[in-house]
């Protein structure tokens, strides 16, 4: 929980510094995470 809080605060700080750059980078990171996600099969 503490780690998520720190990460969220860091993201908020970065967003406040440069909103457009943050949005562009956040979308790219989000797409990479989805691309690498491989669900486990239930057999």
PDB file of N, CA and C in Angstrom:
ATOM      1  N   UNK A   1       0.828  -1.198   0.000  1.00  0.00           N
ATOM      2  CA  UNK A   1       0.000   0.000   0.000  1.00  0.00           C
ATOM      3  C   UNK A   1       0.869   1.257   0.000  1.00  0.00           C
ATOM      4  N   UNK A   2       1.934   1.253   0.774  1.00  0.00           N
ATOM      5  CA  UNK A   2       2.818   2.420   0.817  1.00  0.00           C
ATOM      6  C   UNK A   2       3.475   2.668  -0.537  1.00  0.00           C
ATOM      7  N   UNK A   3       3.833   1.592  -1.209  1.00  0.00           N
ATOM      8  CA  UNK A   3       4.474   1.731  -2.516  1.00  0.00           C
ATOM      9  C   UNK A   3       3.504   2.365  -3.507  1.00  0.00           C
ATOM     10  N   UNK A   4       2.254   1.896  -3.514  1.00  0.00           N
ATOM     11  CA  UNK A   4       1.254   2.473  -4.422  1.00  0.00           C
ATOM     12  C   UNK A   4       1.025   3.947  -4.129  1.00  0.00           C
ATOM     13  N   UNK A   5       1.039   4.303  -2.850  1.00  0.00           N
ATOM     14  CA  UNK A   5       0.854   5.701  -2.464  1.00  0.00           C
ATOM     15  C   UNK A   5       1.999   6.556  -2.984  1.00  0.00           C
ATOM     16  N   UNK A   6       3.234   6.074  -2.829  1.00  0.00           N
ATOM     17  CA  UNK A   6       4.395   6.827  -3.315  1.00  0.00           C
ATOM     18  C   UNK A   6       4.381   6.959  -4.834  1.00  0.00           C
ATOM     19  N   UNK A   7       4.040   5.878  -5.522  1.00  0.00           N
ATOM     20  CA  UNK A   7       3.987   5.921  -6.982  1.00  0.00           C
ATOM     21  C   UNK A   7       2.900   6.887  -7.444  1.00  0.00           C
ATOM     22  N   UNK A   8       1.746   6.830  -6.805  1.00  0.00           N
ATOM     23  CA  UNK A   8       0.645   7.735  -7.166  1.00  0.00           C
ATOM     24  C   UNK A   8       1.037   9.189  -6.946  1.00  0.00           C
ATOM     25  N   UNK A   9       1.719   9.468  -5.844  1.00  0.00           N
ATOM     26  CA  UNK A   9       2.152  10.838  -5.568  1.00  0.00           C
ATOM     27  C   UNK A   9       3.175  11.293  -6.599  1.00  0.00           C
ATOM     28  N   UNK A  10       4.096  10.414  -6.966  1.00  0.00           N
ATOM     29  CA  UNK A  10       5.103  10.756  -7.980  1.00  0.00           C
ATOM     30  C   UNK A  10       4.432  11.035  -9.324  1.00  0.00           C
ATOM     31  N   UNK A  11       3.433  10.236  -9.673  1.00  0.00           N
ATOM     32  CA  UNK A  11       2.698  10.458 -10.926  1.00  0.00           C
ATOM     33  C   UNK A  11       1.964  11.792 -10.893  1.00  0.00           C
ATOM     34  N   UNK A  12       1.344  12.103  -9.779  1.00  0.00           N
ATOM     35  CA  UNK A  12       0.630  13.375  -9.646  1.00  0.00           C
ATOM     36  C   UNK A  12       1.595  14.549  -9.761  1.00  0.00           C
ATOM     37  N   UNK A  13       2.748  14.455  -9.117  1.00  0.00           N
ATOM     38  CA  UNK A  13       3.748  15.522  -9.202  1.00  0.00           C
ATOM     39  C   UNK A  13       4.218  15.716 -10.636  1.00  0.00           C
ATOM     40  N   UNK A  14       4.481  14.613 -11.327  1.00  0.00           N
ATOM     41  CA  UNK A  14       4.939  14.696 -12.721  1.00  0.00           C
ATOM     42  C   UNK A  14       3.841  15.290 -13.601  1.00  0.00           C
ATOM     43  N   UNK A  15       2.588  14.902 -13.344  1.00  0.00           N
ATOM     44  CA  UNK A  15       1.458  15.437 -14.105  1.00  0.00           C
ATOM     45  C   UNK A  15       1.360  16.951 -13.934  1.00  0.00           C
ATOM     46  N   UNK A  16       1.535  17.412 -12.704  1.00  0.00           N
ATOM     47  CA  UNK A  16       1.453  18.850 -12.438  1.00  0.00           C
ATOM     48  C   UNK A  16       2.571  19.621 -13.127  1.00  0.00           C
ATOM     49  N   UNK A  17       3.735  19.002 -13.301  1.00  0.00           N
ATOM     50  CA  UNK A  17       4.869  19.673 -13.946  1.00  0.00           C
ATOM     51  C   UNK A  17       4.648  19.846 -15.444  1.00  0.00           C
ATOM     52  N   UNK A  18       4.144  18.803 -16.108  1.00  0.00           N
ATOM     53  CA  UNK A  18       3.990  18.863 -17.563  1.00  0.00           C
ATOM     54  C   UNK A  18       2.858  17.919 -17.966  1.00  0.00           C
ATOM     55  N   UNK A  19       1.660  18.440 -18.031  1.00  0.00           N
ATOM     56  CA  UNK A  19       0.477  17.612 -18.268  1.00  0.00           C
ATOM     57  C   UNK A  19       0.506  16.881 -19.601  1.00  0.00           C
ATOM     58  N   UNK A  20       0.883  17.555 -20.667  1.00  0.00           N
ATOM     59  CA  UNK A  20       0.870  16.915 -21.989  1.00  0.00           C
ATOM     60  C   UNK A  20       1.899  15.795 -22.084  1.00  0.00           C
ATOM     61  N   UNK A  21       3.102  16.038 -21.581  1.00  0.00           N
ATOM     62  CA  UNK A  21       4.145  15.017 -21.627  1.00  0.00           C
ATOM     63  C   UNK A  21       3.742  13.819 -20.772  1.00  0.00           C
ATOM     64  N   UNK A  22       3.153  14.080 -19.618  1.00  0.00           N
ATOM     65  CA  UNK A  22       2.722  12.995 -18.741  1.00  0.00           C
ATOM     66  C   UNK A  22       1.686  12.117 -19.431  1.00  0.00           C
ATOM     67  N   UNK A  23       0.700  12.748 -20.047  1.00  0.00           N
ATOM     68  CA  UNK A  23      -0.351  11.980 -20.725  1.00  0.00           C
ATOM     69  C   UNK A  23       0.224  11.134 -21.852  1.00  0.00           C
ATOM     70  N   UNK A  24       1.132  11.707 -22.624  1.00  0.00           N
ATOM     71  CA  UNK A  24       1.739  10.973 -23.734  1.00  0.00           C
ATOM     72  C   UNK A  24       2.524   9.766 -23.206  1.00  0.00           C
ATOM     73  N   UNK A  25       3.327   9.974 -22.191  1.00  0.00           N
ATOM     74  CA  UNK A  25       4.129   8.886 -21.632  1.00  0.00           C
ATOM     75  C   UNK A  25       3.255   7.847 -20.932  1.00  0.00           C
ATOM     76  N   UNK A  26       2.230   8.288 -20.234  1.00  0.00           N
ATOM     77  CA  UNK A  26       1.367   7.367 -19.505  1.00  0.00           C
ATOM     78  C   UNK A  26       0.645   6.427 -20.465  1.00  0.00           C
ATOM     79  N   UNK A  27       0.173   6.951 -21.569  1.00  0.00           N
ATOM     80  CA  UNK A  27      -0.510   6.119 -22.562  1.00  0.00           C
ATOM     81  C   UNK A  27       0.455   5.105 -23.156  1.00  0.00           C
ATOM     82  N   UNK A  28       1.680   5.528 -23.456  1.00  0.00           N
ATOM     83  CA  UNK A  28       2.677   4.609 -24.012  1.00  0.00           C
ATOM     84  C   UNK A  28       2.988   3.504 -23.015  1.00  0.00           C
ATOM     85  N   UNK A  29       3.203   3.853 -21.772  1.00  0.00           N
ATOM     86  CA  UNK A  29       3.498   2.846 -20.750  1.00  0.00           C
ATOM     87  C   UNK A  29       2.321   1.898 -20.596  1.00  0.00           C
ATOM     88  N   UNK A  30       1.112   2.435 -20.594  1.00  0.00           N
ATOM     89  CA  UNK A  30      -0.078   1.607 -20.450  1.00  0.00           C
ATOM     90  C   UNK A  30      -0.179   0.603 -21.594  1.00  0.00           C
ATOM     91  N   UNK A  31       0.090   1.025 -22.811  1.00  0.00           N
ATOM     92  CA  UNK A  31       0.016   0.118 -23.956  1.00  0.00           C
ATOM     93  C   UNK A  31       1.065  -0.979 -23.861  1.00  0.00           C
ATOM     94  N   UNK A  32       2.242  -0.651 -23.383  1.00  0.00           N
ATOM     95  CA  UNK A  32       3.303  -1.653 -23.236  1.00  0.00           C
ATOM     96  C   UNK A  32       2.885  -2.695 -22.208  1.00  0.00           C
ATOM     97  N   UNK A  33       2.322  -2.261 -21.101  1.00  0.00           N
ATOM     98  CA  UNK A  33       1.904  -3.204 -20.056  1.00  0.00           C
ATOM     99  C   UNK A  33       0.822  -4.145 -20.575  1.00  0.00           C
ATOM    100  N   UNK A  34      -0.113  -3.630 -21.310  1.00  0.00           N
ATOM    101  CA  UNK A  34      -1.176  -4.469 -21.860  1.00  0.00           C
ATOM    102  C   UNK A  34      -0.594  -5.451 -22.860  1.00  0.00           C
ATOM    103  N   UNK A  35       0.335  -4.987 -23.672  1.00  0.00           N
ATOM    104  CA  UNK A  35       0.950  -5.844 -24.686  1.00  0.00           C
ATOM    105  C   UNK A  35       1.690  -7.015 -24.040  1.00  0.00           C
ATOM    106  N   UNK A  36       2.331  -6.785 -22.909  1.00  0.00           N
ATOM    107  CA  UNK A  36       3.124  -7.820 -22.253  1.00  0.00           C
ATOM    108  C   UNK A  36       2.294  -8.732 -21.358  1.00  0.00           C
ATOM    109  N   UNK A  37       1.049  -8.413 -21.146  1.00  0.00           N
ATOM    110  CA  UNK A  37       0.194  -9.212 -20.274  1.00  0.00           C
ATOM    111  C   UNK A  37      -0.160 -10.521 -20.957  1.00  0.00           C
ATOM    112  N   UNK A  38       0.112 -11.614 -20.279  1.00  0.00           N
ATOM    113  CA  UNK A  38      -0.251 -12.928 -20.816  1.00  0.00           C
ATOM    114  C   UNK A  38      -1.015 -13.692 -19.737  1.00  0.00           C
ATOM    115  N   UNK A  39      -2.312 -13.814 -19.899  1.00  0.00           N
ATOM    116  CA  UNK A  39      -3.114 -14.499 -18.882  1.00  0.00           C
ATOM    117  C   UNK A  39      -2.789 -15.989 -18.824  1.00  0.00           C
ATOM    118  N   UNK A  40      -2.938 -16.533 -17.636  1.00  0.00           N
ATOM    119  CA  UNK A  40      -2.711 -17.967 -17.463  1.00  0.00           C
ATOM    120  C   UNK A  40      -3.935 -18.733 -17.946  1.00  0.00           C
ATOM    121  N   UNK A  41      -3.680 -19.879 -18.517  1.00  0.00           N
ATOM    122  CA  UNK A  41      -4.794 -20.709 -18.981  1.00  0.00           C
ATOM    123  C   UNK A  41      -5.351 -21.527 -17.826  1.00  0.00           C
ATOM    124  N   UNK A  42      -6.647 -21.668 -17.808  1.00  0.00           N
ATOM    125  CA  UNK A  42      -7.296 -22.529 -16.821  1.00  0.00           C
ATOM    126  C   UNK A  42      -7.633 -23.837 -17.514  1.00  0.00           C
ATOM    127  N   UNK A  43      -6.990 -24.891 -17.081  1.00  0.00           N
ATOM    128  CA  UNK A  43      -7.230 -26.184 -17.729  1.00  0.00           C
ATOM    129  C   UNK A  43      -7.838 -27.173 -16.772  1.00  0.00           C
TER     130      UNK A  43
END
